[in-house]
Amino acid sequence: MKKITFTLAALAGLAFANQANAQLQKGTFLVGGQLGNLNFGLGSSNNVSLSLSPKVGYFIQNNLAIGAEVPIGFTAIKGKDPIFNYGIGAFGRYYFAPKEFNIDNVLNKGRFFGEVGVGIAGQTDVEVGFNLRIGAGYAYFLTPNVALETMVRYQGTYGTGNTSGLDINLGFQIHLPSKKIKSEYYQIRDEAGARKSSKQSEEE
């Protein structure tokens, strides 16, 4: 009985891993972003901050996605007024393929990734400057299409007022295959056309 249970669990885990990997293939859209940011202040920063960084990306090849993000948020510094942050930039993300498969390893439901981003960013009372972001993280797939992720990232903004620091970002990503999006679009279009034709027939 234990052997049967283990076999079924192994097959289920293998199927899940294969489905998750399929969402990292060329032609898949990436939608989501980081919802939280805890800054440790390695650099010129020494504060706690919260941010929201919406992202939209597209896999130009298997495991490699590029896209855009719009980070916004605020930084709370003890004894000072809050600082509001804003920016816009582009990013590239690469998911590393696992070197070996072990069905008992929880890491098979996720993938490690590296990310690099560039853009412009500014904050209260500081002019907009060049922004650079370099990080590494792990995405854990709750379902084949939805992943929770955490990322350790160094980022710096260079201009009139330079800032830099190391932070931890928590967030989620939704993986949407382009074929599925097209299929749903055509289905909605056909249904709308059918309703329109039916209404015209009734009026006649």
Protein backbone atom coordinates (compact mmCIF):
# COMPACT_ATOMS: atom_id res chain seq x y z
CA MET A 1 0.00 0.00 0.00
CA LYS A 2 2.83 2.39 0.88
CA LYS A 3 4.52 1.59 -2.41
CA ILE A 4 1.34 2.39 -4.36
CA THR A 5 0.87 5.65 -2.45
CA PHE A 6 4.46 6.69 -3.12
CA THR A 7 4.11 5.87 -6.82
CA LEU A 8 0.95 7.94 -7.16
CA ALA A 9 2.59 10.85 -5.33
CA ALA A 10 5.63 10.61 -7.57
CA LEU A 11 3.51 10.65 -10.74
CA ALA A 12 1.50 13.62 -9.46
CA GLY A 13 4.66 15.53 -8.61
CA LEU A 14 6.18 14.77 -11.99
CA ALA A 15 3.05 15.95 -13.80
CA PHE A 16 3.00 19.15 -11.76
CA ALA A 17 6.66 19.86 -12.47
CA ASN A 18 6.19 19.31 -16.21
CA GLN A 19 3.13 21.62 -16.25
CA ALA A 20 5.04 24.32 -14.35
CA ASN A 21 7.98 24.07 -16.74
CA ALA A 22 5.56 24.45 -19.66
CA GLN A 23 4.64 27.91 -18.38
CA LEU A 24 8.26 29.03 -18.89
CA GLN A 25 8.21 28.32 -22.61
CA LYS A 26 8.46 30.78 -25.48
CA GLY A 27 5.20 32.63 -26.12
CA THR A 28 4.05 32.81 -22.47
CA PHE A 29 3.08 36.12 -20.86
CA LEU A 30 4.20 37.04 -17.35
CA VAL A 31 1.93 39.31 -15.26
CA GLY A 32 2.34 40.23 -11.60
CA GLY A 33 4.89 42.02 -9.48
CA GLN A 34 6.48 42.51 -6.09
CA LEU A 35 4.10 43.43 -3.29
CA GLY A 36 6.51 43.99 -0.43
CA ASN A 37 9.98 45.31 0.13
CA LEU A 38 12.13 45.10 3.27
CA ASN A 39 15.27 47.19 2.98
CA PHE A 40 18.30 46.21 5.06
CA GLY A 41 20.28 49.34 4.22
CA LEU A 42 23.45 47.85 2.72
CA GLY A 43 24.68 50.98 1.03
CA SER A 44 23.54 54.51 1.61
CA SER A 45 19.98 53.48 2.60
CA ASN A 46 18.93 52.56 6.14
CA ASN A 47 15.17 52.27 6.34
CA VAL A 48 12.07 50.14 6.06
CA SER A 49 9.96 50.56 2.94
CA LEU A 50 6.89 49.19 1.22
CA SER A 51 6.44 49.13 -2.53
CA LEU A 52 4.32 47.87 -5.39
CA SER A 53 6.04 46.99 -8.67
CA PRO A 54 3.59 45.82 -11.35
CA LYS A 55 5.27 43.78 -14.11
CA VAL A 56 4.36 42.59 -17.57
CA GLY A 57 6.73 40.30 -19.44
CA TYR A 58 6.94 37.93 -22.38
CA PHE A 59 9.06 34.81 -22.87
CA ILE A 60 11.10 35.42 -26.03
CA GLN A 61 12.55 31.92 -25.64
CA ASN A 62 12.25 29.07 -23.16
CA ASN A 63 13.12 30.22 -19.61
CA LEU A 64 13.96 33.79 -20.73
CA ALA A 65 11.48 36.66 -20.33
CA ILE A 66 11.77 40.39 -20.94
CA GLY A 67 9.30 43.09 -20.01
CA ALA A 68 8.51 46.35 -18.24
CA GLU A 69 7.74 47.35 -14.66
CA VAL A 70 6.52 50.48 -12.87
CA PRO A 71 7.78 50.59 -9.27
CA ILE A 72 5.97 52.92 -6.87
CA GLY A 73 5.99 53.12 -3.09
CA PHE A 74 7.06 54.99 0.00
CA THR A 75 9.92 54.80 2.47
CA ALA A 76 9.51 55.40 6.21
CA ILE A 77 12.52 56.84 8.01
CA LYS A 78 12.37 57.36 11.76
CA GLY A 79 12.08 61.04 12.64
CA LYS A 80 11.58 62.18 9.03
CA ASP A 81 8.71 62.67 6.59
CA PRO A 82 7.87 59.69 4.32
CA ILE A 83 9.67 59.56 0.99
CA PHE A 84 7.64 58.62 -2.07
CA ASN A 85 9.33 56.64 -4.81
CA TYR A 86 8.44 56.19 -8.48
CA GLY A 87 10.00 54.92 -11.67
CA ILE A 88 9.71 52.98 -14.90
CA GLY A 89 12.04 50.43 -16.41
CA ALA A 90 12.70 47.28 -18.37
CA PHE A 91 13.79 43.90 -17.02
CA GLY A 92 15.12 40.57 -18.17
CA ARG A 93 14.60 37.36 -16.21
CA TYR A 94 16.11 33.91 -16.70
CA TYR A 95 14.80 30.75 -14.98
CA PHE A 96 17.48 28.16 -14.30
CA ALA A 97 16.70 24.54 -15.24
CA PRO A 98 17.12 21.98 -12.44
CA LYS A 99 20.18 19.76 -12.91
CA GLU A 100 18.55 16.70 -11.38
CA PHE A 101 15.08 15.46 -10.44
CA ASN A 102 14.15 14.23 -6.98
CA ILE A 103 10.43 13.69 -6.38
CA ASP A 104 10.86 14.19 -2.64
CA ASN A 105 12.41 17.63 -3.15
CA VAL A 106 9.97 20.52 -2.72
CA LEU A 107 12.11 22.58 -5.11
CA ASN A 108 10.62 20.64 -8.01
CA LYS A 109 7.51 22.81 -7.67
CA GLY A 110 9.54 25.91 -8.38
CA ARG A 111 12.50 27.39 -10.19
CA PHE A 112 15.40 29.64 -9.29
CA PHE A 113 15.83 32.73 -11.44
CA GLY A 114 18.10 35.69 -11.98
CA GLU A 115 16.89 39.16 -12.96
CA VAL A 116 18.46 42.37 -14.25
CA GLY A 117 16.60 45.65 -14.72
CA VAL A 118 17.39 49.18 -15.91
CA GLY A 119 15.32 52.32 -16.09
CA ILE A 120 14.75 55.69 -14.48
CA ALA A 121 13.62 56.35 -10.94
CA GLY A 122 13.10 59.26 -8.59
CA GLN A 123 11.81 60.15 -5.16
CA THR A 124 10.56 63.08 -3.13
CA ASP A 125 12.87 66.13 -3.44
CA VAL A 126 15.34 64.20 -5.64
CA GLU A 127 15.62 64.46 -9.41
CA VAL A 128 15.06 61.43 -11.62
CA GLY A 129 18.18 59.34 -12.16
CA PHE A 130 19.41 56.14 -13.80
CA ASN A 131 18.21 53.02 -11.98
CA LEU A 132 19.97 49.64 -11.97
CA ARG A 133 18.57 46.45 -10.40
CA ILE A 134 20.28 43.06 -10.08
CA GLY A 135 18.72 40.18 -8.16
CA ALA A 136 18.20 36.46 -7.70
CA GLY A 137 15.15 34.64 -6.41
CA TYR A 138 12.95 31.58 -6.27
CA ALA A 139 9.44 31.12 -7.73
CA TYR A 140 7.24 28.47 -6.11
CA PHE A 141 4.33 27.33 -8.30
CA LEU A 142 1.10 27.01 -6.33
CA THR A 143 -0.54 25.96 -9.62
CA PRO A 144 0.97 25.53 -13.09
CA ASN A 145 0.02 29.17 -13.80
CA VAL A 146 0.48 30.99 -10.48
CA ALA A 147 3.77 31.34 -8.62
CA LEU A 148 4.72 32.98 -5.34
CA GLU A 149 8.24 34.31 -5.32
CA THR A 150 10.90 35.90 -3.19
CA MET A 151 13.91 37.79 -4.50
CA VAL A 152 17.03 39.31 -2.97
CA ARG A 153 17.99 42.34 -5.03
CA TYR A 154 20.55 45.10 -5.12
CA GLN A 155 19.35 48.33 -6.63
CA GLY A 156 20.81 51.78 -7.03
CA THR A 157 19.64 55.08 -8.47
CA TYR A 158 22.39 57.34 -9.75
CA GLY A 159 21.94 61.03 -10.46
CA THR A 160 21.73 64.18 -8.35
CA GLY A 161 20.99 62.17 -5.23
CA ASN A 162 22.53 58.69 -5.35
CA THR A 163 20.87 55.89 -3.36
CA SER A 164 21.64 52.19 -3.20
CA GLY A 165 20.79 49.18 -1.08
CA LEU A 166 20.01 45.49 -0.77
CA ASP A 167 16.39 44.45 -0.28
CA ILE A 168 14.07 41.45 -0.18
CA ASN A 169 11.01 41.45 -2.43
CA LEU A 170 7.94 39.24 -2.02
CA GLY A 171 5.38 38.90 -4.77
CA PHE A 172 3.58 36.71 -7.27
CA GLN A 173 3.51 36.06 -11.02
CA ILE A 174 0.78 34.71 -13.28
CA HIS A 175 1.95 32.77 -16.35
CA LEU A 176 -0.45 33.01 -19.31
CA PRO A 177 0.28 31.00 -22.48
CA SER A 178 -0.35 33.18 -25.55
CA LYS A 179 -2.24 30.33 -27.25
CA LYS A 180 -4.73 30.25 -24.38
CA ILE A 181 -5.22 34.03 -24.53
CA LYS A 182 -5.85 33.90 -28.28
CA SER A 183 -8.26 30.99 -27.86
CA GLU A 184 -10.29 32.85 -25.23
CA TYR A 185 -10.28 36.02 -27.35
CA TYR A 186 -11.65 34.21 -30.39
CA GLN A 187 -14.24 32.43 -28.24
CA ILE A 188 -15.50 35.73 -26.78
CA ARG A 189 -15.53 37.31 -30.26
CA ASP A 190 -17.48 34.41 -31.78
CA GLU A 191 -20.00 34.41 -28.92
CA ALA A 192 -20.49 38.18 -29.30
CA GLY A 193 -20.98 37.75 -33.06
CA ALA A 194 -23.50 34.96 -32.53
CA ARG A 195 -25.52 37.10 -30.09
CA LYS A 196 -25.49 40.02 -32.51
CA SER A 197 -26.68 37.82 -35.39
CA SER A 198 -29.41 36.32 -33.21
CA LYS A 199 -30.62 39.78 -32.16
CA GLN A 200 -30.70 40.97 -35.78
CA SER A 201 -32.72 37.87 -36.80
CA GLU A 202 -35.27 38.52 -34.05
CA GLU A 203 -35.66 42.16 -35.13
CA GLU A 204 -36.31 41.11 -38.72
